[in-house]
């Protein structure tokens, strides 16, 4: 399954629009061809043999997955643009990963669960409303542009939440916690916006 209508190399004309009428390039953003590397702290060294993804919190069925088990889950291909809060955007990124909706189907969040906290190797966290994650185009990804993710870009697994600023697509995910009340993650505690919509320029709270 592939989402998206824009081909690689399509133009960045000011009149280019998304299907819902929004400009493809959000306000205050500039296009780049490369993929800048930005993160908090150093690159964690993850032992793939012992790596696991834990799904916990306000769920009926807590889950644990090894990397092999993640790779055995349903996989989809997705093409998205990405938009970093530091004002760069990169068009036409091809991803492969597990639909977040499938993780929700397995875990069965409680009705009172309204938010997710992503926990990552290296101590990073970020918060995302479940309403933003319960979409066909939100994935947990392991591949980018036909190659496995590199360590600097979040291997073995990172989020992909294309409608929010890229810091919400957390690198090096190790845990997905379902919670009732929103609480700030790492960058949110330092003043970044709790939501992070690029078209509303929700950069800082």
N, C-alpha and C. Protein backbone atom coordinates (compact mmCIF):
# COMPACT_ATOMS: atom_id res chain seq x y z
N UNK A 1 0.86 -1.19 0.00
CA UNK A 1 0.00 0.00 0.00
C UNK A 1 0.89 1.23 0.00
N UNK A 2 0.63 2.16 -0.88
CA UNK A 2 1.42 3.38 -0.97
C UNK A 2 0.51 4.59 -0.90
N UNK A 3 0.87 5.57 -0.06
CA UNK A 3 0.12 6.80 0.06
C UNK A 3 0.90 7.93 -0.58
N UNK A 4 0.21 8.97 -1.03
CA UNK A 4 0.88 10.14 -1.56
C UNK A 4 0.72 10.26 -3.07
N UNK A 5 0.72 11.48 -3.55
CA UNK A 5 0.46 11.71 -4.96
C UNK A 5 1.60 12.45 -5.65
N UNK A 6 2.62 12.85 -4.93
CA UNK A 6 3.67 13.66 -5.53
C UNK A 6 4.85 12.78 -5.90
N UNK A 7 5.34 12.93 -7.12
CA UNK A 7 6.49 12.16 -7.56
C UNK A 7 7.79 12.81 -7.15
N UNK A 8 8.83 12.02 -7.09
CA UNK A 8 10.14 12.56 -6.73
C UNK A 8 10.57 13.59 -7.76
N UNK A 9 11.09 14.71 -7.24
CA UNK A 9 11.57 15.75 -8.11
C UNK A 9 10.49 16.74 -8.53
N UNK A 10 9.28 16.65 -7.94
CA UNK A 10 8.25 17.62 -8.29
C UNK A 10 8.64 18.99 -7.78
N UNK A 11 8.09 20.03 -8.39
CA UNK A 11 8.56 21.38 -8.14
C UNK A 11 8.08 21.92 -6.81
N UNK A 12 8.73 22.99 -6.37
CA UNK A 12 8.36 23.66 -5.12
C UNK A 12 7.69 24.99 -5.42
N UNK A 13 6.93 25.05 -6.49
CA UNK A 13 6.25 26.28 -6.84
C UNK A 13 5.33 26.73 -5.71
N UNK A 14 5.20 28.04 -5.56
CA UNK A 14 4.38 28.57 -4.47
C UNK A 14 2.93 28.14 -4.59
N UNK A 15 2.48 27.81 -5.83
CA UNK A 15 1.10 27.42 -6.00
C UNK A 15 0.84 25.93 -5.79
N UNK A 16 1.89 25.13 -5.54
CA UNK A 16 1.69 23.70 -5.36
C UNK A 16 0.93 23.43 -4.07
N UNK A 17 -0.10 22.63 -4.17
CA UNK A 17 -0.98 22.41 -3.02
C UNK A 17 -1.15 20.93 -2.72
N UNK A 18 -1.49 20.64 -1.47
CA UNK A 18 -1.90 19.31 -1.07
C UNK A 18 -3.34 19.07 -1.48
N UNK A 19 -3.80 17.83 -1.46
CA UNK A 19 -5.18 17.56 -1.87
C UNK A 19 -6.22 18.32 -1.05
N UNK A 20 -5.90 18.68 0.19
CA UNK A 20 -6.87 19.41 1.02
C UNK A 20 -6.78 20.92 0.84
N UNK A 21 -5.92 21.39 -0.09
CA UNK A 21 -5.85 22.80 -0.40
C UNK A 21 -4.76 23.56 0.33
N UNK A 22 -4.11 22.95 1.31
CA UNK A 22 -3.01 23.62 2.00
C UNK A 22 -1.80 23.70 1.07
N UNK A 23 -0.93 24.72 1.24
CA UNK A 23 0.30 24.74 0.46
C UNK A 23 1.17 23.55 0.81
N UNK A 24 1.80 22.96 -0.20
CA UNK A 24 2.64 21.80 0.09
C UNK A 24 3.80 22.18 1.02
N UNK A 25 4.39 23.34 0.80
CA UNK A 25 5.47 23.80 1.66
C UNK A 25 4.87 24.69 2.75
N UNK A 26 4.92 24.27 4.01
CA UNK A 26 4.33 25.07 5.08
C UNK A 26 5.02 26.43 5.22
N UNK A 27 4.36 27.38 5.84
CA UNK A 27 4.96 28.72 6.01
C UNK A 27 6.25 28.65 6.81
N UNK A 28 7.22 29.48 6.40
CA UNK A 28 8.49 29.57 7.11
C UNK A 28 9.47 28.46 6.81
N UNK A 29 9.14 27.56 5.85
CA UNK A 29 10.01 26.43 5.53
C UNK A 29 10.77 26.67 4.23
N UNK A 30 11.95 26.02 4.12
CA UNK A 30 12.75 26.05 2.89
C UNK A 30 13.07 24.61 2.52
N UNK A 31 13.14 24.35 1.22
CA UNK A 31 13.40 22.99 0.76
C UNK A 31 14.89 22.67 0.79
N UNK A 32 15.20 21.40 1.16
CA UNK A 32 16.56 20.90 1.07
C UNK A 32 16.53 19.58 0.31
N UNK A 33 17.66 19.21 -0.29
CA UNK A 33 17.78 17.93 -0.98
C UNK A 33 18.38 16.86 -0.08
N UNK A 34 19.25 17.28 0.84
CA UNK A 34 19.87 16.32 1.76
C UNK A 34 18.92 16.06 2.93
N UNK A 35 19.38 15.25 3.87
CA UNK A 35 18.58 14.95 5.06
C UNK A 35 19.41 15.34 6.28
N UNK A 36 19.23 16.56 6.80
CA UNK A 36 20.04 17.00 7.94
C UNK A 36 19.87 16.07 9.14
N UNK A 37 20.94 15.97 9.92
CA UNK A 37 20.93 15.14 11.13
C UNK A 37 20.86 16.04 12.34
N UNK A 38 19.76 15.94 13.07
CA UNK A 38 19.57 16.74 14.27
C UNK A 38 18.98 15.84 15.35
N UNK A 39 19.56 15.87 16.54
CA UNK A 39 19.00 15.11 17.65
C UNK A 39 19.62 15.57 18.95
N UNK A 40 18.97 15.19 20.04
CA UNK A 40 19.48 15.47 21.37
C UNK A 40 20.51 14.42 21.76
N UNK A 41 21.67 14.86 22.23
CA UNK A 41 22.67 13.93 22.72
C UNK A 41 23.37 13.16 21.62
N UNK A 42 24.12 12.13 22.02
CA UNK A 42 24.84 11.31 21.06
C UNK A 42 23.94 10.24 20.46
N UNK A 43 24.48 9.55 19.48
CA UNK A 43 23.75 8.46 18.84
C UNK A 43 23.85 7.23 19.73
N UNK A 44 22.73 6.72 20.23
CA UNK A 44 22.80 5.54 21.11
C UNK A 44 23.25 4.31 20.35
N UNK A 45 23.99 3.46 21.02
CA UNK A 45 24.41 2.19 20.44
C UNK A 45 23.42 1.12 20.89
N UNK A 46 22.65 0.63 19.96
CA UNK A 46 21.56 -0.28 20.25
C UNK A 46 21.97 -1.70 19.87
N UNK A 47 21.87 -2.61 20.82
CA UNK A 47 22.13 -4.02 20.56
C UNK A 47 20.89 -4.62 19.92
N UNK A 48 20.95 -4.91 18.62
CA UNK A 48 19.78 -5.37 17.90
C UNK A 48 19.30 -6.73 18.40
N UNK A 49 20.20 -7.54 18.92
CA UNK A 49 19.82 -8.87 19.39
C UNK A 49 18.92 -8.79 20.62
N UNK A 50 19.13 -7.77 21.45
CA UNK A 50 18.34 -7.64 22.67
C UNK A 50 17.30 -6.52 22.58
N UNK A 51 17.29 -5.79 21.47
CA UNK A 51 16.34 -4.69 21.33
C UNK A 51 14.91 -5.20 21.42
N UNK A 52 14.05 -4.40 22.06
CA UNK A 52 12.63 -4.72 22.06
C UNK A 52 11.83 -3.43 22.08
N UNK A 53 10.63 -3.51 21.55
CA UNK A 53 9.66 -2.43 21.57
C UNK A 53 8.56 -2.82 22.55
N UNK A 54 8.36 -1.98 23.55
CA UNK A 54 7.34 -2.23 24.56
C UNK A 54 6.17 -1.28 24.34
N UNK A 55 4.95 -1.81 24.37
CA UNK A 55 3.72 -1.03 24.25
C UNK A 55 2.97 -1.21 25.56
N UNK A 56 2.73 -0.12 26.28
CA UNK A 56 2.23 -0.25 27.64
C UNK A 56 1.39 0.98 28.02
N UNK A 57 0.97 1.01 29.28
CA UNK A 57 0.14 2.11 29.76
C UNK A 57 -1.32 1.72 29.78
N UNK A 58 -2.18 2.63 29.33
CA UNK A 58 -3.62 2.42 29.36
C UNK A 58 -4.06 1.59 28.15
N UNK A 59 -3.69 0.31 28.18
CA UNK A 59 -4.05 -0.61 27.10
C UNK A 59 -4.58 -1.90 27.71
N UNK A 60 -5.42 -2.59 26.95
CA UNK A 60 -5.94 -3.88 27.42
C UNK A 60 -4.89 -4.97 27.30
N UNK A 61 -4.03 -4.87 26.27
CA UNK A 61 -3.03 -5.91 26.02
C UNK A 61 -1.66 -5.27 25.84
N UNK A 62 -0.84 -5.31 26.88
CA UNK A 62 0.53 -4.83 26.72
C UNK A 62 1.27 -5.73 25.73
N UNK A 63 2.19 -5.14 24.99
CA UNK A 63 2.90 -5.86 23.94
C UNK A 63 4.40 -5.67 24.10
N UNK A 64 5.15 -6.69 23.69
CA UNK A 64 6.59 -6.60 23.54
C UNK A 64 6.98 -7.25 22.22
N UNK A 65 7.82 -6.58 21.46
CA UNK A 65 8.24 -7.09 20.16
C UNK A 65 9.76 -7.07 20.07
N UNK A 66 10.35 -8.16 19.62
CA UNK A 66 11.74 -8.14 19.18
C UNK A 66 11.78 -7.48 17.80
N UNK A 67 12.99 -7.22 17.31
CA UNK A 67 13.09 -6.63 15.98
C UNK A 67 12.55 -7.58 14.92
N UNK A 68 12.83 -8.86 15.04
CA UNK A 68 12.30 -9.83 14.09
C UNK A 68 10.77 -9.83 14.12
N UNK A 69 10.19 -9.70 15.30
CA UNK A 69 8.74 -9.68 15.42
C UNK A 69 8.14 -8.42 14.81
N UNK A 70 8.83 -7.30 14.95
CA UNK A 70 8.37 -6.07 14.28
C UNK A 70 8.38 -6.26 12.77
N UNK A 71 9.43 -6.86 12.26
CA UNK A 71 9.55 -7.05 10.82
C UNK A 71 8.52 -8.04 10.29
N UNK A 72 7.98 -8.89 11.17
CA UNK A 72 6.97 -9.86 10.76
C UNK A 72 5.55 -9.29 10.81
N UNK A 73 5.39 -8.09 11.37
CA UNK A 73 4.08 -7.45 11.40
C UNK A 73 3.72 -6.92 10.00
N UNK A 74 2.46 -6.61 9.76
CA UNK A 74 2.09 -6.04 8.45
C UNK A 74 2.92 -4.80 8.12
N UNK A 75 3.38 -4.71 6.88
CA UNK A 75 4.25 -3.63 6.43
C UNK A 75 3.57 -2.87 5.29
N UNK A 76 3.77 -1.55 5.27
CA UNK A 76 3.28 -0.75 4.16
C UNK A 76 4.39 0.19 3.69
N UNK A 77 4.27 0.63 2.45
CA UNK A 77 5.15 1.65 1.89
C UNK A 77 4.42 2.97 1.86
N UNK A 78 5.15 4.03 2.13
CA UNK A 78 4.54 5.36 2.27
C UNK A 78 5.50 6.41 1.76
N UNK A 79 5.02 7.34 0.98
CA UNK A 79 5.84 8.48 0.56
C UNK A 79 5.31 9.74 1.23
N UNK A 80 6.18 10.47 1.91
CA UNK A 80 5.76 11.68 2.60
C UNK A 80 6.79 12.79 2.41
N UNK A 81 6.35 14.00 2.66
CA UNK A 81 7.26 15.12 2.89
C UNK A 81 7.53 15.18 4.39
N UNK A 82 8.70 15.72 4.75
CA UNK A 82 8.99 15.94 6.16
C UNK A 82 9.34 17.40 6.38
N UNK A 83 8.96 17.91 7.55
CA UNK A 83 9.09 19.33 7.86
C UNK A 83 9.69 19.48 9.26
N UNK A 84 10.92 19.99 9.33
CA UNK A 84 11.61 20.15 10.60
C UNK A 84 11.30 21.52 11.20
N UNK A 85 11.19 21.57 12.51
CA UNK A 85 10.91 22.83 13.20
C UNK A 85 12.02 23.85 12.97
N UNK A 86 13.23 23.39 12.60
CA UNK A 86 14.34 24.30 12.33
C UNK A 86 14.27 24.91 10.94
N UNK A 87 13.15 24.76 10.27
CA UNK A 87 12.72 25.45 9.03
C UNK A 87 13.10 24.75 7.74
N UNK A 88 13.67 23.54 7.77
CA UNK A 88 13.90 22.83 6.51
C UNK A 88 12.80 21.81 6.26
N UNK A 89 12.54 21.58 4.98
CA UNK A 89 11.60 20.56 4.53
C UNK A 89 12.25 19.72 3.44
N UNK A 90 11.89 18.45 3.38
CA UNK A 90 12.41 17.55 2.35
C UNK A 90 11.23 16.80 1.75
N UNK A 91 11.10 16.90 0.44
CA UNK A 91 9.98 16.27 -0.25
C UNK A 91 10.27 14.80 -0.59
N UNK A 92 9.19 14.04 -0.76
CA UNK A 92 9.22 12.72 -1.40
C UNK A 92 10.17 11.73 -0.72
N UNK A 93 9.93 11.48 0.55
CA UNK A 93 10.67 10.46 1.29
C UNK A 93 9.89 9.16 1.25
N UNK A 94 10.55 8.08 0.85
CA UNK A 94 9.91 6.77 0.77
C UNK A 94 10.26 5.95 2.02
N UNK A 95 9.23 5.48 2.69
CA UNK A 95 9.38 4.75 3.94
C UNK A 95 8.76 3.37 3.82
N UNK A 96 9.24 2.44 4.65
CA UNK A 96 8.58 1.16 4.86
C UNK A 96 8.50 0.94 6.36
N UNK A 97 7.32 0.52 6.82
CA UNK A 97 7.17 0.29 8.24
C UNK A 97 5.81 -0.28 8.59
N UNK A 98 5.55 -0.32 9.88
CA UNK A 98 4.34 -0.92 10.44
C UNK A 98 3.32 0.19 10.70
N UNK A 99 2.09 0.03 10.23
CA UNK A 99 1.07 1.05 10.53
C UNK A 99 0.84 1.17 12.04
N UNK A 100 0.82 2.39 12.52
CA UNK A 100 0.56 2.58 13.94
C UNK A 100 -0.83 2.07 14.31
N UNK A 101 -1.76 2.16 13.39
CA UNK A 101 -3.10 1.64 13.65
C UNK A 101 -3.07 0.15 13.98
N UNK A 102 -2.13 -0.60 13.39
CA UNK A 102 -2.04 -2.02 13.70
C UNK A 102 -1.55 -2.23 15.14
N UNK A 103 -0.60 -1.41 15.57
CA UNK A 103 -0.15 -1.48 16.96
C UNK A 103 -1.33 -1.21 17.90
N UNK A 104 -2.16 -0.25 17.56
CA UNK A 104 -3.32 0.06 18.38
C UNK A 104 -4.31 -1.10 18.40
N UNK A 105 -4.49 -1.76 17.27
CA UNK A 105 -5.40 -2.91 17.22
C UNK A 105 -4.92 -4.03 18.14
N UNK A 106 -3.62 -4.24 18.20
CA UNK A 106 -3.07 -5.29 19.06
C UNK A 106 -3.16 -4.90 20.54
N UNK A 107 -2.86 -3.64 20.85
CA UNK A 107 -2.79 -3.21 22.24
C UNK A 107 -4.15 -2.84 22.82
N UNK A 108 -5.07 -2.37 21.98
CA UNK A 108 -6.42 -1.98 22.40
C UNK A 108 -6.39 -0.93 23.52
N UNK A 109 -6.07 0.33 23.16
CA UNK A 109 -6.05 1.40 24.15
C UNK A 109 -7.39 1.55 24.86
N UNK A 110 -7.33 1.91 26.13
CA UNK A 110 -8.54 2.16 26.91
C UNK A 110 -9.21 3.44 26.41
N UNK A 111 -10.53 3.57 26.62
CA UNK A 111 -11.22 4.79 26.17
C UNK A 111 -10.63 6.07 26.73
N UNK A 112 -10.09 6.01 27.93
CA UNK A 112 -9.55 7.22 28.55
C UNK A 112 -8.16 7.58 28.03
N UNK A 113 -7.53 6.71 27.26
CA UNK A 113 -6.22 7.02 26.69
C UNK A 113 -6.39 8.01 25.54
N UNK A 114 -5.78 9.17 25.68
CA UNK A 114 -5.92 10.23 24.68
C UNK A 114 -4.59 10.67 24.07
N UNK A 115 -3.49 10.22 24.65
CA UNK A 115 -2.17 10.66 24.19
C UNK A 115 -1.20 9.49 24.25
N UNK A 116 -0.11 9.63 23.51
CA UNK A 116 0.99 8.65 23.53
C UNK A 116 2.27 9.38 23.87
N UNK A 117 3.07 8.75 24.72
CA UNK A 117 4.44 9.20 24.97
C UNK A 117 5.37 8.19 24.31
N UNK A 118 6.19 8.65 23.37
CA UNK A 118 7.20 7.80 22.76
C UNK A 118 8.46 7.87 23.62
N UNK A 119 8.95 6.70 24.04
CA UNK A 119 10.19 6.58 24.81
C UNK A 119 11.28 6.04 23.89
N UNK A 120 12.47 6.62 24.00
CA UNK A 120 13.52 6.30 23.05
C UNK A 120 14.84 6.03 23.76
N UNK A 121 15.68 5.21 23.13
CA UNK A 121 17.03 5.03 23.62
C UNK A 121 17.72 6.40 23.68
N UNK A 122 18.51 6.60 24.71
CA UNK A 122 19.17 7.89 24.89
C UNK A 122 18.40 8.84 25.78
N UNK A 123 17.22 8.42 26.25
CA UNK A 123 16.46 9.25 27.19
C UNK A 123 15.48 10.22 26.57
N UNK A 124 15.36 10.22 25.25
CA UNK A 124 14.45 11.16 24.59
C UNK A 124 13.01 10.68 24.70
N UNK A 125 12.09 11.63 24.83
CA UNK A 125 10.65 11.35 24.78
C UNK A 125 9.97 12.45 23.98
N UNK A 126 8.80 12.12 23.44
CA UNK A 126 7.94 13.14 22.85
C UNK A 126 6.50 12.69 22.96
N UNK A 127 5.59 13.65 22.99
CA UNK A 127 4.16 13.39 23.18
C UNK A 127 3.38 13.69 21.91
N UNK A 128 2.40 12.83 21.60
CA UNK A 128 1.56 12.99 20.41
C UNK A 128 0.14 12.57 20.77
N UNK A 129 -0.87 13.36 20.39
CA UNK A 129 -2.25 12.92 20.63
C UNK A 129 -2.58 11.67 19.83
N UNK A 130 -3.36 10.77 20.43
CA UNK A 130 -3.78 9.57 19.71
C UNK A 130 -4.54 9.96 18.44
N UNK A 131 -5.28 11.05 18.48
CA UNK A 131 -6.03 11.49 17.30
C UNK A 131 -5.11 11.74 16.12
N UNK A 132 -3.85 12.13 16.37
CA UNK A 132 -2.89 12.36 15.28
C UNK A 132 -2.22 11.06 14.84
N UNK A 133 -2.27 10.03 15.67
CA UNK A 133 -1.61 8.77 15.34
C UNK A 133 -2.56 7.75 14.71
N UNK A 134 -3.84 7.91 14.95
CA UNK A 134 -4.84 6.96 14.45
C UNK A 134 -5.21 7.30 13.01
N UNK A 135 -4.21 7.21 12.13
CA UNK A 135 -4.35 7.55 10.72
C UNK A 135 -3.58 6.53 9.89
N UNK A 136 -4.03 6.33 8.65
CA UNK A 136 -3.37 5.35 7.77
C UNK A 136 -1.95 5.74 7.41
N UNK A 137 -1.62 7.03 7.46
CA UNK A 137 -0.30 7.47 7.01
C UNK A 137 0.70 7.66 8.14
N UNK A 138 0.42 7.13 9.32
CA UNK A 138 1.37 7.17 10.44
C UNK A 138 1.96 5.77 10.62
N UNK A 139 3.29 5.71 10.61
CA UNK A 139 3.99 4.42 10.66
C UNK A 139 5.07 4.42 11.74
N UNK A 140 5.49 3.22 12.10
CA UNK A 140 6.77 2.98 12.75
C UNK A 140 7.69 2.44 11.67
N UNK A 141 8.72 3.20 11.29
CA UNK A 141 9.47 2.89 10.08
C UNK A 141 10.86 2.35 10.40
N UNK A 142 11.34 1.48 9.49
CA UNK A 142 12.69 0.92 9.59
C UNK A 142 13.50 1.14 8.33
N UNK A 143 12.87 1.65 7.26
CA UNK A 143 13.58 1.85 5.99
C UNK A 143 13.24 3.21 5.41
N UNK A 144 14.21 3.81 4.71
CA UNK A 144 14.05 5.12 4.08
C UNK A 144 14.71 5.09 2.72
N UNK A 145 13.95 5.48 1.70
CA UNK A 145 14.45 5.55 0.32
C UNK A 145 15.15 4.25 -0.10
N UNK A 146 14.52 3.14 0.23
CA UNK A 146 14.99 1.84 -0.22
C UNK A 146 16.11 1.22 0.57
N UNK A 147 16.52 1.85 1.67
CA UNK A 147 17.62 1.34 2.48
C UNK A 147 17.19 1.30 3.95
N UNK A 148 17.76 0.39 4.74
CA UNK A 148 17.48 0.42 6.18
C UNK A 148 17.88 1.77 6.77
N UNK A 149 17.14 2.22 7.76
CA UNK A 149 17.53 3.44 8.46
C UNK A 149 18.95 3.32 8.98
N UNK A 150 19.69 4.40 8.91
CA UNK A 150 21.01 4.44 9.55
C UNK A 150 20.84 4.78 11.02
N UNK A 151 21.90 4.54 11.80
CA UNK A 151 21.83 4.85 13.23
C UNK A 151 21.56 6.34 13.45
N UNK A 152 22.19 7.21 12.66
CA UNK A 152 22.01 8.64 12.87
C UNK A 152 20.59 9.10 12.58
N UNK A 153 19.85 8.33 11.80
CA UNK A 153 18.47 8.69 11.49
C UNK A 153 17.44 7.85 12.24
N UNK A 154 17.90 7.11 13.26
CA UNK A 154 16.93 6.52 14.15
C UNK A 154 16.81 5.02 14.15
N UNK A 155 17.72 4.30 13.48
CA UNK A 155 17.65 2.84 13.46
C UNK A 155 17.72 2.27 14.88
N UNK A 156 17.02 1.17 15.13
CA UNK A 156 16.33 0.33 14.13
C UNK A 156 14.90 0.76 13.81
N UNK A 157 14.30 1.65 14.63
CA UNK A 157 12.89 1.99 14.43
C UNK A 157 12.64 3.41 14.88
N UNK A 158 11.92 4.16 14.03
CA UNK A 158 11.52 5.51 14.40
C UNK A 158 10.08 5.73 14.01
N UNK A 159 9.48 6.76 14.56
CA UNK A 159 8.13 7.13 14.17
C UNK A 159 8.13 7.88 12.85
N UNK A 160 6.98 7.93 12.22
CA UNK A 160 6.76 8.78 11.06
C UNK A 160 5.34 9.32 11.17
N UNK A 161 5.26 10.58 11.60
CA UNK A 161 3.98 11.28 11.80
C UNK A 161 4.02 12.48 10.84
N UNK A 162 3.65 12.28 9.57
CA UNK A 162 3.99 13.27 8.53
C UNK A 162 3.29 14.60 8.65
N UNK A 163 2.17 14.67 9.38
CA UNK A 163 1.42 15.91 9.45
C UNK A 163 1.91 16.83 10.57
N UNK A 164 2.91 16.40 11.35
CA UNK A 164 3.46 17.22 12.43
C UNK A 164 4.94 17.49 12.17
N UNK A 165 5.47 18.50 12.86
CA UNK A 165 6.91 18.75 12.75
C UNK A 165 7.69 17.48 13.08
N UNK A 166 8.87 17.39 12.48
CA UNK A 166 9.60 16.13 12.44
C UNK A 166 10.10 15.67 13.81
N UNK A 167 10.20 16.57 14.79
CA UNK A 167 10.67 16.11 16.10
C UNK A 167 9.66 15.17 16.75
N UNK A 168 8.41 15.22 16.28
CA UNK A 168 7.39 14.29 16.79
C UNK A 168 7.57 12.89 16.22
N UNK A 169 8.33 12.74 15.14
CA UNK A 169 8.63 11.42 14.56
C UNK A 169 9.89 10.89 15.22
N UNK A 170 9.73 10.42 16.45
CA UNK A 170 10.86 10.14 17.34
C UNK A 170 11.78 9.07 16.79
N UNK A 171 13.10 9.28 16.99
CA UNK A 171 14.12 8.30 16.63
C UNK A 171 14.28 7.26 17.75
N UNK A 172 14.86 6.11 17.38
CA UNK A 172 15.33 5.10 18.33
C UNK A 172 14.24 4.67 19.32
N UNK A 173 13.03 4.47 18.81
CA UNK A 173 11.91 4.16 19.71
C UNK A 173 12.14 2.83 20.42
N UNK A 174 11.87 2.85 21.72
CA UNK A 174 11.92 1.62 22.51
C UNK A 174 10.61 1.37 23.27
N UNK A 175 9.77 2.39 23.40
CA UNK A 175 8.53 2.22 24.14
C UNK A 175 7.44 3.16 23.65
N UNK A 176 6.21 2.67 23.70
CA UNK A 176 5.03 3.46 23.33
C UNK A 176 4.08 3.38 24.51
N UNK A 177 3.91 4.50 25.20
CA UNK A 177 3.09 4.54 26.41
C UNK A 177 1.79 5.29 26.13
N UNK A 178 0.67 4.64 26.36
CA UNK A 178 -0.64 5.27 26.20
C UNK A 178 -1.04 5.88 27.54
N UNK A 179 -1.40 7.17 27.52
CA UNK A 179 -1.72 7.90 28.74
C UNK A 179 -3.01 8.68 28.57
N UNK A 180 -3.60 9.07 29.69
CA UNK A 180 -4.85 9.84 29.65
C UNK A 180 -4.59 11.32 29.44
N UNK A 181 -3.61 11.86 30.14
CA UNK A 181 -3.35 13.30 30.14
C UNK A 181 -2.07 13.60 29.38
N UNK A 182 -2.13 14.66 28.62
CA UNK A 182 -0.95 15.09 27.87
C UNK A 182 0.14 15.53 28.83
N UNK A 183 1.37 15.15 28.53
CA UNK A 183 2.50 15.64 29.32
C UNK A 183 3.67 15.87 28.38
N UNK A 184 4.47 16.87 28.67
CA UNK A 184 5.53 17.24 27.73
C UNK A 184 6.62 16.20 27.65
N UNK A 185 7.17 16.04 26.44
CA UNK A 185 8.36 15.24 26.25
C UNK A 185 9.59 16.10 26.43
N UNK A 186 10.72 15.61 25.90
CA UNK A 186 12.00 16.29 26.13
C UNK A 186 11.98 17.72 25.61
N UNK A 187 11.77 17.89 24.30
CA UNK A 187 11.83 19.24 23.73
C UNK A 187 10.65 20.09 24.17
N UNK A 188 9.53 19.47 24.44
CA UNK A 188 8.37 20.24 24.91
C UNK A 188 8.66 20.87 26.28
N UNK A 189 9.44 20.20 27.11
CA UNK A 189 9.81 20.78 28.40
C UNK A 189 10.72 21.99 28.23
N UNK A 190 11.39 22.07 27.07
CA UNK A 190 12.27 23.20 26.80
C UNK A 190 11.60 24.26 25.92
N UNK A 191 10.28 24.21 25.82
CA UNK A 191 9.56 25.29 25.17
C UNK A 191 8.98 24.99 23.82
N UNK A 192 9.24 23.78 23.26
CA UNK A 192 8.62 23.45 21.98
C UNK A 192 7.13 23.22 22.18
N UNK A 193 6.39 23.39 21.10
CA UNK A 193 4.94 23.31 21.16
C UNK A 193 4.48 21.90 21.52
N UNK A 194 3.39 21.80 22.26
CA UNK A 194 2.87 20.49 22.66
C UNK A 194 2.27 19.73 21.48
N UNK A 195 1.86 20.45 20.43
CA UNK A 195 1.20 19.80 19.28
C UNK A 195 2.12 19.74 18.08
N UNK A 196 2.51 20.89 17.50
CA UNK A 196 3.52 20.90 16.44
C UNK A 196 3.00 20.81 15.02
N UNK A 197 1.96 21.56 14.69
CA UNK A 197 1.42 21.57 13.32
C UNK A 197 2.24 22.54 12.47
N UNK A 198 2.91 22.07 11.39
CA UNK A 198 3.73 22.97 10.57
C UNK A 198 2.93 24.06 9.87
N UNK A 199 1.71 23.78 9.48
CA UNK A 199 0.93 24.78 8.73
C UNK A 199 0.39 25.87 9.63
N UNK A 200 0.39 25.63 10.93
CA UNK A 200 0.04 26.66 11.90
C UNK A 200 1.28 27.25 12.55
N UNK A 201 2.44 26.82 12.11
CA UNK A 201 3.74 27.22 12.68
C UNK A 201 3.74 27.07 14.20
N UNK A 202 3.31 25.92 14.65
CA UNK A 202 3.30 25.61 16.09
C UNK A 202 4.70 25.12 16.50
N UNK A 203 5.64 26.04 16.43
CA UNK A 203 7.03 25.69 16.75
C UNK A 203 7.28 25.71 18.25
N UNK A 204 6.79 26.73 18.91
CA UNK A 204 7.06 26.90 20.33
C UNK A 204 5.76 27.19 21.08
N UNK A 205 5.72 26.73 22.33
CA UNK A 205 4.51 26.88 23.13
C UNK A 205 4.36 28.28 23.70
